[in-house]
Amino acid sequence: MIEALRQQDRDLIRTRLNSETAKIPWQELQRFFAGGNTLLVAADLDLVEVACAFHQDEVKLVKSWTDAGRVTGVTTGQAGDWVDRDNSLWAVVVKPWVLLQIIEQ
């Protein structure tokens, strides 16, 4: 019963986070980068699932991604490249983080 309620809660959180995910120009995200609040999610991960893990404070799972370099801080080089290219990225907010994913062309 408790596990079913947890899954239902996770499903509701996932649905909400999915609805809050958007394609956003890097220009609009730079202030979050300047504040140190942007994280880049590897292309092979589901952005909404990562956001859900952050939201539910799944420390072991998040740590496994960060340790493997699959969720990392955005570097100055990446930020500069995105400015030069006028990139847009997929983004979702899980305070205090803005989780980003490169849009595959």
PDB file of N, CA and C in Angstrom:
ATOM      1  N   MET A   1       0.813  -1.192   0.000  1.00  0.00           N
ATOM      2  CA  MET A   1       0.000   0.000   0.000  1.00  0.00           C
ATOM      3  C   MET A   1       0.865   1.269   0.000  1.00  0.00           C
ATOM      4  N   ILE A   2       1.855   1.294   0.906  1.00  0.00           N
ATOM      5  CA  ILE A   2       2.728   2.468   0.995  1.00  0.00           C
ATOM      6  C   ILE A   2       3.525   2.639  -0.294  1.00  0.00           C
ATOM      7  N   GLU A   3       3.992   1.526  -0.851  1.00  0.00           N
ATOM      8  CA  GLU A   3       4.761   1.609  -2.097  1.00  0.00           C
ATOM      9  C   GLU A   3       3.883   2.136  -3.234  1.00  0.00           C
ATOM     10  N   ALA A   4       2.631   1.741  -3.270  1.00  0.00           N
ATOM     11  CA  ALA A   4       1.707   2.230  -4.292  1.00  0.00           C
ATOM     12  C   ALA A   4       1.498   3.733  -4.152  1.00  0.00           C
ATOM     13  N   LEU A   5       1.398   4.225  -2.922  1.00  0.00           N
ATOM     14  CA  LEU A   5       1.249   5.662  -2.684  1.00  0.00           C
ATOM     15  C   LEU A   5       2.508   6.420  -3.095  1.00  0.00           C
ATOM     16  N   ARG A   6       3.671   5.849  -2.807  1.00  0.00           N
ATOM     17  CA  ARG A   6       4.931   6.476  -3.234  1.00  0.00           C
ATOM     18  C   ARG A   6       5.003   6.573  -4.746  1.00  0.00           C
ATOM     19  N   GLN A   7       4.602   5.502  -5.421  1.00  0.00           N
ATOM     20  CA  GLN A   7       4.626   5.508  -6.880  1.00  0.00           C
ATOM     21  C   GLN A   7       3.632   6.519  -7.433  1.00  0.00           C
ATOM     22  N   GLN A   8       2.478   6.613  -6.817  1.00  0.00           N
ATOM     23  CA  GLN A   8       1.477   7.589  -7.252  1.00  0.00           C
ATOM     24  C   GLN A   8       2.010   9.012  -7.065  1.00  0.00           C
ATOM     25  N   ASP A   9       2.671   9.257  -5.931  1.00  0.00           N
ATOM     26  CA  ASP A   9       3.268  10.559  -5.670  1.00  0.00           C
ATOM     27  C   ASP A   9       4.345  10.868  -6.712  1.00  0.00           C
ATOM     28  N   ARG A  10       5.186   9.883  -7.013  1.00  0.00           N
ATOM     29  CA  ARG A  10       6.243  10.065  -8.016  1.00  0.00           C
ATOM     30  C   ARG A  10       5.627  10.357  -9.389  1.00  0.00           C
ATOM     31  N   ASP A  11       4.567   9.656  -9.723  1.00  0.00           N
ATOM     32  CA  ASP A  11       3.900   9.883 -11.010  1.00  0.00           C
ATOM     33  C   ASP A  11       3.347  11.308 -11.100  1.00  0.00           C
ATOM     34  N   LEU A  12       2.767  11.807 -10.005  1.00  0.00           N
ATOM     35  CA  LEU A  12       2.240  13.172  -9.996  1.00  0.00           C
ATOM     36  C   LEU A  12       3.367  14.203 -10.123  1.00  0.00           C
ATOM     37  N   ILE A  13       4.455  13.960  -9.409  1.00  0.00           N
ATOM     38  CA  ILE A  13       5.610  14.865  -9.499  1.00  0.00           C
ATOM     39  C   ILE A  13       6.171  14.844 -10.914  1.00  0.00           C
ATOM     40  N   ARG A  14       6.299  13.654 -11.486  1.00  0.00           N
ATOM     41  CA  ARG A  14       6.830  13.529 -12.846  1.00  0.00           C
ATOM     42  C   ARG A  14       5.941  14.285 -13.845  1.00  0.00           C
ATOM     43  N   THR A  15       4.637  14.144 -13.699  1.00  0.00           N
ATOM     44  CA  THR A  15       3.705  14.834 -14.594  1.00  0.00           C
ATOM     45  C   THR A  15       3.853  16.349 -14.466  1.00  0.00           C
ATOM     46  N   ARG A  16       3.952  16.835 -13.233  1.00  0.00           N
ATOM     47  CA  ARG A  16       4.108  18.281 -13.008  1.00  0.00           C
ATOM     48  C   ARG A  16       5.424  18.777 -13.598  1.00  0.00           C
ATOM     49  N   LEU A  17       6.517  18.066 -13.329  1.00  0.00           N
ATOM     50  CA  LEU A  17       7.820  18.486 -13.850  1.00  0.00           C
ATOM     51  C   LEU A  17       7.838  18.438 -15.380  1.00  0.00           C
ATOM     52  N   ASN A  18       7.210  17.423 -15.948  1.00  0.00           N
ATOM     53  CA  ASN A  18       7.146  17.340 -17.410  1.00  0.00           C
ATOM     54  C   ASN A  18       6.438  18.554 -17.992  1.00  0.00           C
ATOM     55  N   SER A  19       5.382  18.999 -17.332  1.00  0.00           N
ATOM     56  CA  SER A  19       4.640  20.159 -17.833  1.00  0.00           C
ATOM     57  C   SER A  19       5.425  21.457 -17.666  1.00  0.00           C
ATOM     58  N   GLU A  20       6.417  21.460 -16.774  1.00  0.00           N
ATOM     59  CA  GLU A  20       7.231  22.651 -16.537  1.00  0.00           C
ATOM     60  C   GLU A  20       8.520  22.658 -17.355  1.00  0.00           C
ATOM     61  N   THR A  21       8.760  21.631 -18.139  1.00  0.00           N
ATOM     62  CA  THR A  21       9.949  21.539 -18.973  1.00  0.00           C
ATOM     63  C   THR A  21       9.725  22.351 -20.245  1.00  0.00           C
ATOM     64  N   ALA A  22      10.751  23.110 -20.637  1.00  0.00           N
ATOM     65  CA  ALA A  22      10.594  23.961 -21.816  1.00  0.00           C
ATOM     66  C   ALA A  22      11.920  24.130 -22.551  1.00  0.00           C
ATOM     67  N   LYS A  23      11.787  24.458 -23.806  1.00  0.00           N
ATOM     68  CA  LYS A  23      12.936  24.829 -24.628  1.00  0.00           C
ATOM     69  C   LYS A  23      13.164  26.331 -24.400  1.00  0.00           C
ATOM     70  N   ILE A  24      14.369  26.680 -23.897  1.00  0.00           N
ATOM     71  CA  ILE A  24      14.645  28.063 -23.508  1.00  0.00           C
ATOM     72  C   ILE A  24      15.973  28.513 -24.118  1.00  0.00           C
ATOM     73  N   PRO A  25      16.013  29.719 -24.675  1.00  0.00           N
ATOM     74  CA  PRO A  25      17.285  30.245 -25.195  1.00  0.00           C
ATOM     75  C   PRO A  25      18.300  30.409 -24.065  1.00  0.00           C
ATOM     76  N   TRP A  26      19.556  30.068 -24.351  1.00  0.00           N
ATOM     77  CA  TRP A  26      20.618  30.199 -23.357  1.00  0.00           C
ATOM     78  C   TRP A  26      20.698  31.619 -22.807  1.00  0.00           C
ATOM     79  N   GLN A  27      20.412  32.603 -23.635  1.00  0.00           N
ATOM     80  CA  GLN A  27      20.461  33.998 -23.187  1.00  0.00           C
ATOM     81  C   GLN A  27      19.606  34.201 -21.934  1.00  0.00           C
ATOM     82  N   GLU A  28      18.476  33.507 -21.850  1.00  0.00           N
ATOM     83  CA  GLU A  28      17.575  33.654 -20.702  1.00  0.00           C
ATOM     84  C   GLU A  28      18.024  32.848 -19.484  1.00  0.00           C
ATOM     85  N   LEU A  29      18.987  31.957 -19.678  1.00  0.00           N
ATOM     86  CA  LEU A  29      19.456  31.104 -18.593  1.00  0.00           C
ATOM     87  C   LEU A  29      20.780  31.563 -17.993  1.00  0.00           C
ATOM     88  N   GLN A  30      21.412  32.549 -18.622  1.00  0.00           N
ATOM     89  CA  GLN A  30      22.744  32.955 -18.191  1.00  0.00           C
ATOM     90  C   GLN A  30      22.799  33.450 -16.748  1.00  0.00           C
ATOM     91  N   ARG A  31      21.748  34.092 -16.279  1.00  0.00           N
ATOM     92  CA  ARG A  31      21.772  34.588 -14.899  1.00  0.00           C
ATOM     93  C   ARG A  31      21.795  33.438 -13.900  1.00  0.00           C
ATOM     94  N   PHE A  32      21.186  32.310 -14.245  1.00  0.00           N
ATOM     95  CA  PHE A  32      21.238  31.142 -13.371  1.00  0.00           C
ATOM     96  C   PHE A  32      22.634  30.526 -13.392  1.00  0.00           C
ATOM     97  N   PHE A  33      23.263  30.546 -14.577  1.00  0.00           N
ATOM     98  CA  PHE A  33      24.646  30.089 -14.693  1.00  0.00           C
ATOM     99  C   PHE A  33      25.550  30.964 -13.831  1.00  0.00           C
ATOM    100  N   ALA A  34      25.362  32.268 -13.901  1.00  0.00           N
ATOM    101  CA  ALA A  34      26.174  33.200 -13.115  1.00  0.00           C
ATOM    102  C   ALA A  34      26.004  32.944 -11.621  1.00  0.00           C
ATOM    103  N   GLY A  35      24.843  32.488 -11.224  1.00  0.00           N
ATOM    104  CA  GLY A  35      24.588  32.179  -9.824  1.00  0.00           C
ATOM    105  C   GLY A  35      25.055  30.791  -9.411  1.00  0.00           C
ATOM    106  N   GLY A  36      25.602  30.037 -10.366  1.00  0.00           N
ATOM    107  CA  GLY A  36      26.092  28.693 -10.067  1.00  0.00           C
ATOM    108  C   GLY A  36      25.001  27.652  -9.915  1.00  0.00           C
ATOM    109  N   ASN A  37      23.850  27.904 -10.529  1.00  0.00           N
ATOM    110  CA  ASN A  37      22.697  27.028 -10.331  1.00  0.00           C
ATOM    111  C   ASN A  37      22.306  26.190 -11.538  1.00  0.00           C
ATOM    112  N   THR A  38      23.176  26.063 -12.524  1.00  0.00           N
ATOM    113  CA  THR A  38      22.839  25.277 -13.706  1.00  0.00           C
ATOM    114  C   THR A  38      23.599  23.956 -13.708  1.00  0.00           C
ATOM    115  N   LEU A  39      22.885  22.906 -14.054  1.00  0.00           N
ATOM    116  CA  LEU A  39      23.480  21.580 -14.180  1.00  0.00           C
ATOM    117  C   LEU A  39      23.114  21.014 -15.542  1.00  0.00           C
ATOM    118  N   LEU A  40      24.098  20.417 -16.193  1.00  0.00           N
ATOM    119  CA  LEU A  40      23.889  19.821 -17.505  1.00  0.00           C
ATOM    120  C   LEU A  40      23.659  18.328 -17.346  1.00  0.00           C
ATOM    121  N   VAL A  41      22.573  17.843 -17.933  1.00  0.00           N
ATOM    122  CA  VAL A  41      22.179  16.441 -17.872  1.00  0.00           C
ATOM    123  C   VAL A  41      22.573  15.771 -19.188  1.00  0.00           C
ATOM    124  N   ALA A  42      23.222  14.622 -19.101  1.00  0.00           N
ATOM    125  CA  ALA A  42      23.654  13.882 -20.296  1.00  0.00           C
ATOM    126  C   ALA A  42      22.463  13.586 -21.200  1.00  0.00           C
ATOM    127  N   ALA A  43      22.735  13.564 -22.490  1.00  0.00           N
ATOM    128  CA  ALA A  43      21.682  13.370 -23.488  1.00  0.00           C
ATOM    129  C   ALA A  43      20.976  12.022 -23.362  1.00  0.00           C
ATOM    130  N   ASP A  44      21.677  11.015 -22.834  1.00  0.00           N
ATOM    131  CA  ASP A  44      21.064   9.694 -22.745  1.00  0.00           C
ATOM    132  C   ASP A  44      20.197   9.514 -21.494  1.00  0.00           C
ATOM    133  N   LEU A  45      20.137  10.529 -20.644  1.00  0.00           N
ATOM    134  CA  LEU A  45      19.258  10.482 -19.477  1.00  0.00           C
ATOM    135  C   LEU A  45      17.948  11.196 -19.790  1.00  0.00           C
ATOM    136  N   ASP A  46      16.888  10.777 -19.118  1.00  0.00           N
ATOM    137  CA  ASP A  46      15.589  11.425 -19.246  1.00  0.00           C
ATOM    138  C   ASP A  46      15.591  12.638 -18.313  1.00  0.00           C
ATOM    139  N   LEU A  47      15.503  13.827 -18.882  1.00  0.00           N
ATOM    140  CA  LEU A  47      15.575  15.064 -18.110  1.00  0.00           C
ATOM    141  C   LEU A  47      14.525  15.094 -16.996  1.00  0.00           C
ATOM    142  N   VAL A  48      13.334  14.651 -17.282  1.00  0.00           N
ATOM    143  CA  VAL A  48      12.263  14.676 -16.280  1.00  0.00           C
ATOM    144  C   VAL A  48      12.542  13.665 -15.168  1.00  0.00           C
ATOM    145  N   GLU A  49      13.080  12.509 -15.495  1.00  0.00           N
ATOM    146  CA  GLU A  49      13.422  11.528 -14.465  1.00  0.00           C
ATOM    147  C   GLU A  49      14.525  12.060 -13.559  1.00  0.00           C
ATOM    148  N   VAL A  50      15.503  12.740 -14.146  1.00  0.00           N
ATOM    149  CA  VAL A  50      16.572  13.344 -13.342  1.00  0.00           C
ATOM    150  C   VAL A  50      15.974  14.411 -12.426  1.00  0.00           C
ATOM    151  N   ALA A  51      15.111  15.241 -12.977  1.00  0.00           N
ATOM    152  CA  ALA A  51      14.463  16.281 -12.175  1.00  0.00           C
ATOM    153  C   ALA A  51      13.658  15.667 -11.034  1.00  0.00           C
ATOM    154  N   CYS A  52      12.986  14.583 -11.300  1.00  0.00           N
ATOM    155  CA  CYS A  52      12.191  13.900 -10.278  1.00  0.00           C
ATOM    156  C   CYS A  52      13.107  13.367  -9.168  1.00  0.00           C
ATOM    157  N   ALA A  53      14.247  12.809  -9.545  1.00  0.00           N
ATOM    158  CA  ALA A  53      15.199  12.305  -8.547  1.00  0.00           C
ATOM    159  C   ALA A  53      15.730  13.440  -7.682  1.00  0.00           C
ATOM    160  N   PHE A  54      16.011  14.593  -8.287  1.00  0.00           N
ATOM    161  CA  PHE A  54      16.439  15.765  -7.518  1.00  0.00           C
ATOM    162  C   PHE A  54      15.315  16.209  -6.581  1.00  0.00           C
ATOM    163  N   HIS A  55      14.105  16.288  -7.114  1.00  0.00           N
ATOM    164  CA  HIS A  55      12.956  16.747  -6.327  1.00  0.00           C
ATOM    165  C   HIS A  55      12.720  15.852  -5.115  1.00  0.00           C
ATOM    166  N   GLN A  56      12.865  14.537  -5.303  1.00  0.00           N
ATOM    167  CA  GLN A  56      12.599  13.594  -4.222  1.00  0.00           C
ATOM    168  C   GLN A  56      13.845  13.285  -3.400  1.00  0.00           C
ATOM    169  N   ASP A  57      14.918  14.037  -3.653  1.00  0.00           N
ATOM    170  CA  ASP A  57      16.149  13.924  -2.887  1.00  0.00           C
ATOM    171  C   ASP A  57      16.682  12.489  -2.865  1.00  0.00           C
ATOM    172  N   GLU A  58      16.725  11.883  -4.048  1.00  0.00           N
ATOM    173  CA  GLU A  58      17.262  10.533  -4.186  1.00  0.00           C
ATOM    174  C   GLU A  58      18.784  10.634  -4.281  1.00  0.00           C
ATOM    175  N   VAL A  59      19.412  10.791  -3.130  1.00  0.00           N
ATOM    176  CA  VAL A  59      20.837  11.117  -3.034  1.00  0.00           C
ATOM    177  C   VAL A  59      21.716  10.091  -3.739  1.00  0.00           C
ATOM    178  N   LYS A  60      21.474   8.803  -3.526  1.00  0.00           N
ATOM    179  CA  LYS A  60      22.321   7.770  -4.131  1.00  0.00           C
ATOM    180  C   LYS A  60      22.249   7.808  -5.653  1.00  0.00           C
ATOM    181  N   LEU A  61      21.062   7.981  -6.181  1.00  0.00           N
ATOM    182  CA  LEU A  61      20.890   8.019  -7.634  1.00  0.00           C
ATOM    183  C   LEU A  61      21.553   9.261  -8.226  1.00  0.00           C
ATOM    184  N   VAL A  62      21.305  10.414  -7.611  1.00  0.00           N
ATOM    185  CA  VAL A  62      21.913  11.658  -8.099  1.00  0.00           C
ATOM    186  C   VAL A  62      23.435  11.564  -8.012  1.00  0.00           C
ATOM    187  N   LYS A  63      23.939  11.029  -6.903  1.00  0.00           N
ATOM    188  CA  LYS A  63      25.388  10.885  -6.740  1.00  0.00           C
ATOM    189  C   LYS A  63      25.971   9.963  -7.813  1.00  0.00           C
ATOM    190  N   SER A  64      25.258   8.911  -8.156  1.00  0.00           N
ATOM    191  CA  SER A  64      25.769   8.002  -9.194  1.00  0.00           C
ATOM    192  C   SER A  64      25.904   8.729 -10.529  1.00  0.00           C
ATOM    193  N   TRP A  65      24.951   9.613 -10.834  1.00  0.00           N
ATOM    194  CA  TRP A  65      25.029  10.388 -12.082  1.00  0.00           C
ATOM    195  C   TRP A  65      26.163  11.409 -12.033  1.00  0.00           C
ATOM    196  N   THR A  66      26.291  12.093 -10.902  1.00  0.00           N
ATOM    197  CA  THR A  66      27.354  13.114 -10.810  1.00  0.00           C
ATOM    198  C   THR A  66      28.724  12.451 -10.795  1.00  0.00           C
ATOM    199  N   ASP A  67      28.864  11.347 -10.084  1.00  0.00           N
ATOM    200  CA  ASP A  67      30.147  10.635 -10.052  1.00  0.00           C
ATOM    201  C   ASP A  67      30.553  10.131 -11.438  1.00  0.00           C
ATOM    202  N   ALA A  68      29.567   9.753 -12.237  1.00  0.00           N
ATOM    203  CA  ALA A  68      29.833   9.244 -13.595  1.00  0.00           C
ATOM    204  C   ALA A  68      29.951  10.371 -14.621  1.00  0.00           C
ATOM    205  N   GLY A  69      29.786  11.624 -14.181  1.00  0.00           N
ATOM    206  CA  GLY A  69      29.871  12.751 -15.113  1.00  0.00           C
ATOM    207  C   GLY A  69      28.661  12.886 -16.017  1.00  0.00           C
ATOM    208  N   ARG A  70      27.548  12.300 -15.624  1.00  0.00           N
ATOM    209  CA  ARG A  70      26.336  12.363 -16.445  1.00  0.00           C
ATOM    210  C   ARG A  70      25.449  13.541 -16.064  1.00  0.00           C
ATOM    211  N   VAL A  71      25.680  14.096 -14.878  1.00  0.00           N
ATOM    212  CA  VAL A  71      25.070  15.355 -14.437  1.00  0.00           C
ATOM    213  C   VAL A  71      26.234  16.189 -13.901  1.00  0.00           C
ATOM    214  N   THR A  72      26.487  17.319 -14.566  1.00  0.00           N
ATOM    215  CA  THR A  72      27.653  18.136 -14.227  1.00  0.00           C
ATOM    216  C   THR A  72      27.284  19.615 -14.205  1.00  0.00           C
ATOM    217  N   GLY A  73      28.139  20.388 -13.586  1.00  0.00           N
ATOM    218  CA  GLY A  73      27.981  21.829 -13.664  1.00  0.00           C
ATOM    219  C   GLY A  73      28.287  22.291 -15.082  1.00  0.00           C
ATOM    220  N   VAL A  74      27.655  23.357 -15.502  1.00  0.00           N
ATOM    221  CA  VAL A  74      27.927  23.934 -16.826  1.00  0.00           C
ATOM    222  C   VAL A  74      29.254  24.672 -16.738  1.00  0.00           C
ATOM    223  N   THR A  75      30.139  24.424 -17.698  1.00  0.00           N
ATOM    224  CA  THR A  75      31.444  25.081 -17.695  1.00  0.00           C
ATOM    225  C   THR A  75      31.364  26.431 -18.402  1.00  0.00           C
ATOM    226  N   THR A  76      32.342  27.261 -18.128  1.00  0.00           N
ATOM    227  CA  THR A  76      32.434  28.557 -18.798  1.00  0.00           C
ATOM    228  C   THR A  76      32.567  28.362 -20.306  1.00  0.00           C
ATOM    229  N   GLY A  77      33.312  27.347 -20.708  1.00  0.00           N
ATOM    230  CA  GLY A  77      33.467  27.053 -22.138  1.00  0.00           C
ATOM    231  C   GLY A  77      32.148  26.693 -22.800  1.00  0.00           C
ATOM    232  N   GLN A  78      31.361  25.861 -22.139  1.00  0.00           N
ATOM    233  CA  GLN A  78      30.050  25.499 -22.685  1.00  0.00           C
ATOM    234  C   GLN A  78      29.168  26.732 -22.785  1.00  0.00           C
ATOM    235  N   ALA A  79      29.169  27.529 -21.717  1.00  0.00           N
ATOM    236  CA  ALA A  79      28.332  28.736 -21.700  1.00  0.00           C
ATOM    237  C   ALA A  79      28.714  29.680 -22.833  1.00  0.00           C
ATOM    238  N   GLY A  80      30.015  29.874 -23.037  1.00  0.00           N
ATOM    239  CA  GLY A  80      30.478  30.744 -24.123  1.00  0.00           C
ATOM    240  C   GLY A  80      30.096  30.214 -25.487  1.00  0.00           C
ATOM    241  N   ASP A  81      30.204  28.897 -25.667  1.00  0.00           N
ATOM    242  CA  ASP A  81      29.826  28.275 -26.934  1.00  0.00           C
ATOM    243  C   ASP A  81      28.337  28.457 -27.208  1.00  0.00           C
ATOM    244  N   TRP A  82      27.520  28.310 -26.173  1.00  0.00           N
ATOM    245  CA  TRP A  82      26.071  28.464 -26.343  1.00  0.00           C
ATOM    246  C   TRP A  82      25.707  29.908 -26.675  1.00  0.00           C
ATOM    247  N   VAL A  83      26.451  30.858 -26.135  1.00  0.00           N
ATOM    248  CA  VAL A  83      26.224  32.266 -26.489  1.00  0.00           C
ATOM    249  C   VAL A  83      26.565  32.470 -27.957  1.00  0.00           C
ATOM    250  N   ASP A  84      27.752  31.973 -28.358  1.00  0.00           N
ATOM    251  CA  ASP A  84      28.198  32.136 -29.747  1.00  0.00           C
ATOM    252  C   ASP A  84      27.222  31.514 -30.740  1.00  0.00           C
ATOM    253  N   ARG A  85      26.663  30.396 -30.389  1.00  0.00           N
ATOM    254  CA  ARG A  85      25.767  29.666 -31.293  1.00  0.00           C
ATOM    255  C   ARG A  85      24.300  30.068 -31.115  1.00  0.00           C
ATOM    256  N   ASP A  86      24.023  30.907 -30.132  1.00  0.00           N
ATOM    257  CA  ASP A  86      22.644  31.307 -29.825  1.00  0.00           C
ATOM    258  C   ASP A  86      21.770  30.072 -29.583  1.00  0.00           C
ATOM    259  N   ASN A  87      22.303  29.141 -28.766  1.00  0.00           N
ATOM    260  CA  ASN A  87      21.631  27.874 -28.488  1.00  0.00           C
ATOM    261  C   ASN A  87      20.397  28.036 -27.608  1.00  0.00           C
ATOM    262  N   SER A  88      19.487  27.097 -27.798  1.00  0.00           N
ATOM    263  CA  SER A  88      18.391  26.884 -26.868  1.00  0.00           C
ATOM    264  C   SER A  88      18.610  25.510 -26.249  1.00  0.00           C
ATOM    265  N   LEU A  89      18.127  25.333 -25.034  1.00  0.00           N
ATOM    266  CA  LEU A  89      18.283  24.068 -24.332  1.00  0.00           C
ATOM    267  C   LEU A  89      16.955  23.684 -23.701  1.00  0.00           C
ATOM    268  N   TRP A  90      16.799  22.376 -23.429  1.00  0.00           N
ATOM    269  CA  TRP A  90      15.673  21.935 -22.627  1.00  0.00           C
ATOM    270  C   TRP A  90      16.007  22.289 -21.197  1.00  0.00           C
ATOM    271  N   ALA A  91      15.053  22.776 -20.454  1.00  0.00           N
ATOM    272  CA  ALA A  91      15.294  23.170 -19.067  1.00  0.00           C
ATOM    273  C   ALA A  91      14.091  22.858 -18.196  1.00  0.00           C
ATOM    274  N   VAL A  92      14.406  22.565 -16.952  1.00  0.00           N
ATOM    275  CA  VAL A  92      13.377  22.389 -15.923  1.00  0.00           C
ATOM    276  C   VAL A  92      14.000  22.832 -14.595  1.00  0.00           C
ATOM    277  N   VAL A  93      13.196  23.482 -13.785  1.00  0.00           N
ATOM    278  CA  VAL A  93      13.682  23.998 -12.509  1.00  0.00           C
ATOM    279  C   VAL A  93      13.299  23.046 -11.384  1.00  0.00           C
ATOM    280  N   VAL A  94      14.297  22.682 -10.593  1.00  0.00           N
ATOM    281  CA  VAL A  94      14.101  21.990  -9.325  1.00  0.00           C
ATOM    282  C   VAL A  94      14.964  22.778  -8.347  1.00  0.00           C
ATOM    283  N   LYS A  95      14.327  23.745  -7.677  1.00  0.00           N
ATOM    284  CA  LYS A  95      15.066  24.702  -6.858  1.00  0.00           C
ATOM    285  C   LYS A  95      16.056  24.016  -5.946  1.00  0.00           C
ATOM    286  N   PRO A  96      17.274  24.538  -5.886  1.00  0.00           N
ATOM    287  CA  PRO A  96      17.759  25.780  -6.485  1.00  0.00           C
ATOM    288  C   PRO A  96      18.331  25.580  -7.883  1.00  0.00           C
ATOM    289  N   TRP A  97      18.182  24.393  -8.442  1.00  0.00           N
ATOM    290  CA  TRP A  97      18.844  24.048  -9.696  1.00  0.00           C
ATOM    291  C   TRP A  97      17.977  24.314 -10.916  1.00  0.00           C
ATOM    292  N   VAL A  98      18.654  24.638 -12.011  1.00  0.00           N
ATOM    293  CA  VAL A  98      18.043  24.628 -13.332  1.00  0.00           C
ATOM    294  C   VAL A  98      18.762  23.493 -14.074  1.00  0.00           C
ATOM    295  N   LEU A  99      18.030  22.428 -14.347  1.00  0.00           N
ATOM    296  CA  LEU A  99      18.590  21.289 -15.043  1.00  0.00           C
ATOM    297  C   LEU A  99      18.437  21.513 -16.542  1.00  0.00           C
ATOM    298  N   LEU A 100      19.531  21.313 -17.260  1.00  0.00           N
ATOM    299  CA  LEU A 100      19.561  21.598 -18.693  1.00  0.00           C
ATOM    300  C   LEU A 100      19.945  20.357 -19.475  1.00  0.00           C
ATOM    301  N   GLN A 101      19.468  20.316 -20.705  1.00  0.00           N
ATOM    302  CA  GLN A 101      19.859  19.248 -21.611  1.00  0.00           C
ATOM    303  C   GLN A 101      19.987  19.836 -23.009  1.00  0.00           C
ATOM    304  N   ILE A 102      21.069  19.458 -23.670  1.00  0.00           N
ATOM    305  CA  ILE A 102      21.298  19.959 -25.026  1.00  0.00           C
ATOM    306  C   ILE A 102      20.259  19.350 -25.951  1.00  0.00           C
ATOM    307  N   ILE A 103      19.731  20.183 -26.803  1.00  0.00           N
ATOM    308  CA  ILE A 103      18.745  19.728 -27.787  1.00  0.00           C
ATOM    309  C   ILE A 103      19.523  19.146 -28.970  1.00  0.00           C
ATOM    310  N   GLU A 104      19.287  17.878 -29.200  1.00  0.00           N
ATOM    311  CA  GLU A 104      19.971  17.197 -30.318  1.00  0.00           C
ATOM    312  C   GLU A 104      19.417  17.695 -31.632  1.00  0.00           C
ATOM    313  N   GLN A 105      20.316  18.062 -32.516  1.00  0.00           N
ATOM    314  CA  GLN A 105      19.916  18.605 -33.824  1.00  0.00           C
ATOM    315  C   GLN A 105      19.686  17.495 -34.819  1.00  0.00           C
TER     316      GLN A 105
END
